[in-house]
Amino acid sequence: MPRPLTDIAGIGPATAEGFARAGIPDAETLIGLGPDAAYSAWLVAGNPPHFIGYYALVMALQGRPWNDCRGAEKDALRLRFDAIKAAARRPGAGQDGAGQDKGRLRLEAALDEIGVGLRR
């Protein structure tokens, strides 16, 4: 039986609802996607962007407290967050994540662009 999203430290009921709207129903799915793909899905689903929420997710998936992110690591995460946010705002990224980009799902195109898509 899949574990609820709230089994991941730092993910409460409201965040779990946002991930469910993004098509991420359980902890195993979220862990399997990783933070960048999961946050991209979060944004494409129409959830609001928030840098602290993004880096808290990264830290949670590493088993670290959200406030453990500092300095150069935080700066690097800010660049990743900005890239994910920009990709989610491009034309074709709809509330349901079903926008198309060159015949591919919008999410897949965004993941490919930031370098975390499927290796072919």
Protein backbone atom coordinates (compact mmCIF):
# COMPACT_ATOMS: atom_id res chain seq x y z
CA MET A 1 0.00 0.00 0.00
CA PRO A 2 1.42 3.42 -0.96
CA ARG A 3 2.40 5.76 1.86
CA PRO A 4 0.63 9.11 2.13
CA LEU A 5 2.56 12.20 1.11
CA THR A 6 2.38 13.42 4.70
CA ASP A 7 4.72 10.57 5.70
CA ILE A 8 7.51 12.74 4.25
CA ALA A 9 8.72 15.12 6.95
CA GLY A 10 7.77 18.69 6.10
CA ILE A 11 4.78 17.82 3.89
CA GLY A 12 1.53 18.73 5.57
CA PRO A 13 -2.08 18.32 4.45
CA ALA A 14 -2.20 21.47 2.31
CA THR A 15 0.99 20.59 0.42
CA ALA A 16 -0.24 17.02 -0.01
CA GLU A 17 -3.46 18.38 -1.57
CA GLY A 18 -1.42 20.48 -3.99
CA PHE A 19 0.64 17.49 -5.06
CA ALA A 20 -2.52 15.40 -5.45
CA ARG A 21 -3.91 18.10 -7.81
CA ALA A 22 -0.62 17.74 -9.72
CA GLY A 23 -1.17 14.00 -10.15
CA ILE A 24 1.25 12.96 -7.41
CA PRO A 25 -0.89 10.87 -5.07
CA ASP A 26 1.62 9.27 -2.70
CA ALA A 27 5.09 9.42 -1.19
CA GLU A 28 6.55 6.79 -3.51
CA THR A 29 5.47 8.72 -6.61
CA LEU A 30 6.93 11.94 -5.24
CA ILE A 31 10.22 10.28 -4.30
CA GLY A 32 10.39 8.59 -7.70
CA LEU A 33 9.89 11.85 -9.56
CA GLY A 34 12.39 13.79 -7.48
CA PRO A 35 12.02 17.40 -6.38
CA ASP A 36 12.42 19.16 -9.74
CA ALA A 37 9.92 17.08 -11.70
CA ALA A 38 7.48 17.08 -8.79
CA TYR A 39 7.69 20.86 -8.41
CA SER A 40 7.25 21.34 -12.13
CA ALA A 41 4.07 19.25 -11.96
CA TRP A 42 3.01 21.32 -8.92
CA LEU A 43 3.29 24.54 -10.94
CA VAL A 44 1.73 23.19 -14.15
CA ALA A 45 -1.26 22.07 -12.03
CA GLY A 46 -1.81 25.72 -11.09
CA ASN A 47 -0.35 25.69 -7.59
CA PRO A 48 1.48 28.90 -6.66
CA PRO A 49 5.27 29.08 -6.88
CA HIS A 50 7.17 29.64 -3.66
CA PHE A 51 10.93 29.31 -3.37
CA ILE A 52 10.89 28.23 0.27
CA GLY A 53 8.36 25.51 -0.58
CA TYR A 54 10.64 24.27 -3.35
CA TYR A 55 13.82 24.11 -1.33
CA ALA A 56 11.94 22.67 1.66
CA LEU A 57 10.84 19.86 -0.68
CA VAL A 58 14.44 19.30 -1.80
CA MET A 59 15.58 19.14 1.81
CA ALA A 60 12.70 16.85 2.83
CA LEU A 61 13.53 14.37 0.07
CA GLN A 62 17.11 14.34 1.36
CA GLY A 63 15.90 13.71 4.92
CA ARG A 64 17.11 17.14 6.05
CA PRO A 65 15.25 19.95 7.87
CA TRP A 66 14.03 22.74 5.58
CA ASN A 67 16.21 25.35 7.30
CA ASP A 68 19.38 23.33 6.60
CA CYS A 69 19.64 24.99 3.17
CA ARG A 70 22.20 27.81 3.16
CA GLY A 71 24.85 29.63 1.17
CA ALA A 72 25.97 28.26 -2.18
CA GLU A 73 23.55 25.33 -1.96
CA LYS A 74 20.62 27.72 -1.53
CA ASP A 75 21.89 29.89 -4.40
CA ALA A 76 22.07 26.84 -6.69
CA LEU A 77 18.56 25.79 -5.69
CA ARG A 78 17.32 29.29 -6.50
CA LEU A 79 18.63 28.91 -10.06
CA ARG A 80 16.90 25.52 -10.39
CA PHE A 81 13.65 26.97 -8.98
CA ASP A 82 13.74 29.90 -11.41
CA ALA A 83 14.28 27.53 -14.36
CA ILE A 84 11.40 25.29 -13.29
CA LYS A 85 9.12 28.29 -12.80
CA ALA A 86 10.04 29.77 -16.19
CA ALA A 87 9.39 26.47 -17.96
CA ALA A 88 5.99 26.10 -16.29
CA ARG A 89 4.94 29.59 -17.47
CA ARG A 90 5.65 28.97 -21.16
CA PRO A 91 2.73 28.79 -23.58
CA GLY A 92 1.08 25.40 -23.53
CA ALA A 93 1.53 24.80 -19.80
CA GLY A 94 -2.09 24.50 -18.70
CA GLN A 95 -3.85 24.02 -15.40
CA ASP A 96 -4.22 20.31 -16.17
CA GLY A 97 -0.65 19.85 -17.39
CA ALA A 98 -1.93 18.66 -20.76
CA GLY A 99 -0.40 21.38 -22.92
CA GLN A 100 1.64 20.17 -25.86
CA ASP A 101 5.14 21.17 -26.94
CA LYS A 102 6.38 19.50 -30.14
CA GLY A 103 3.97 16.61 -29.59
CA ARG A 104 5.12 15.92 -26.03
CA LEU A 105 3.38 16.55 -22.76
CA ARG A 106 4.29 19.98 -21.43
CA LEU A 107 5.76 18.49 -18.28
CA GLU A 108 8.05 16.23 -20.28
CA ALA A 109 9.23 19.18 -22.36
CA ALA A 110 9.96 21.20 -19.22
CA LEU A 111 11.87 18.34 -17.65
CA ASP A 112 13.91 17.83 -20.79
CA GLU A 113 14.73 21.53 -20.88
CA ILE A 114 16.12 21.61 -17.36
CA GLY A 115 18.00 18.37 -17.90
CA VAL A 116 16.01 15.98 -15.72
CA GLY A 117 13.83 14.32 -18.35
CA LEU A 118 13.97 10.70 -19.40
CA ARG A 119 17.23 9.60 -20.92
CA ARG A 120 16.68 8.25 -24.42
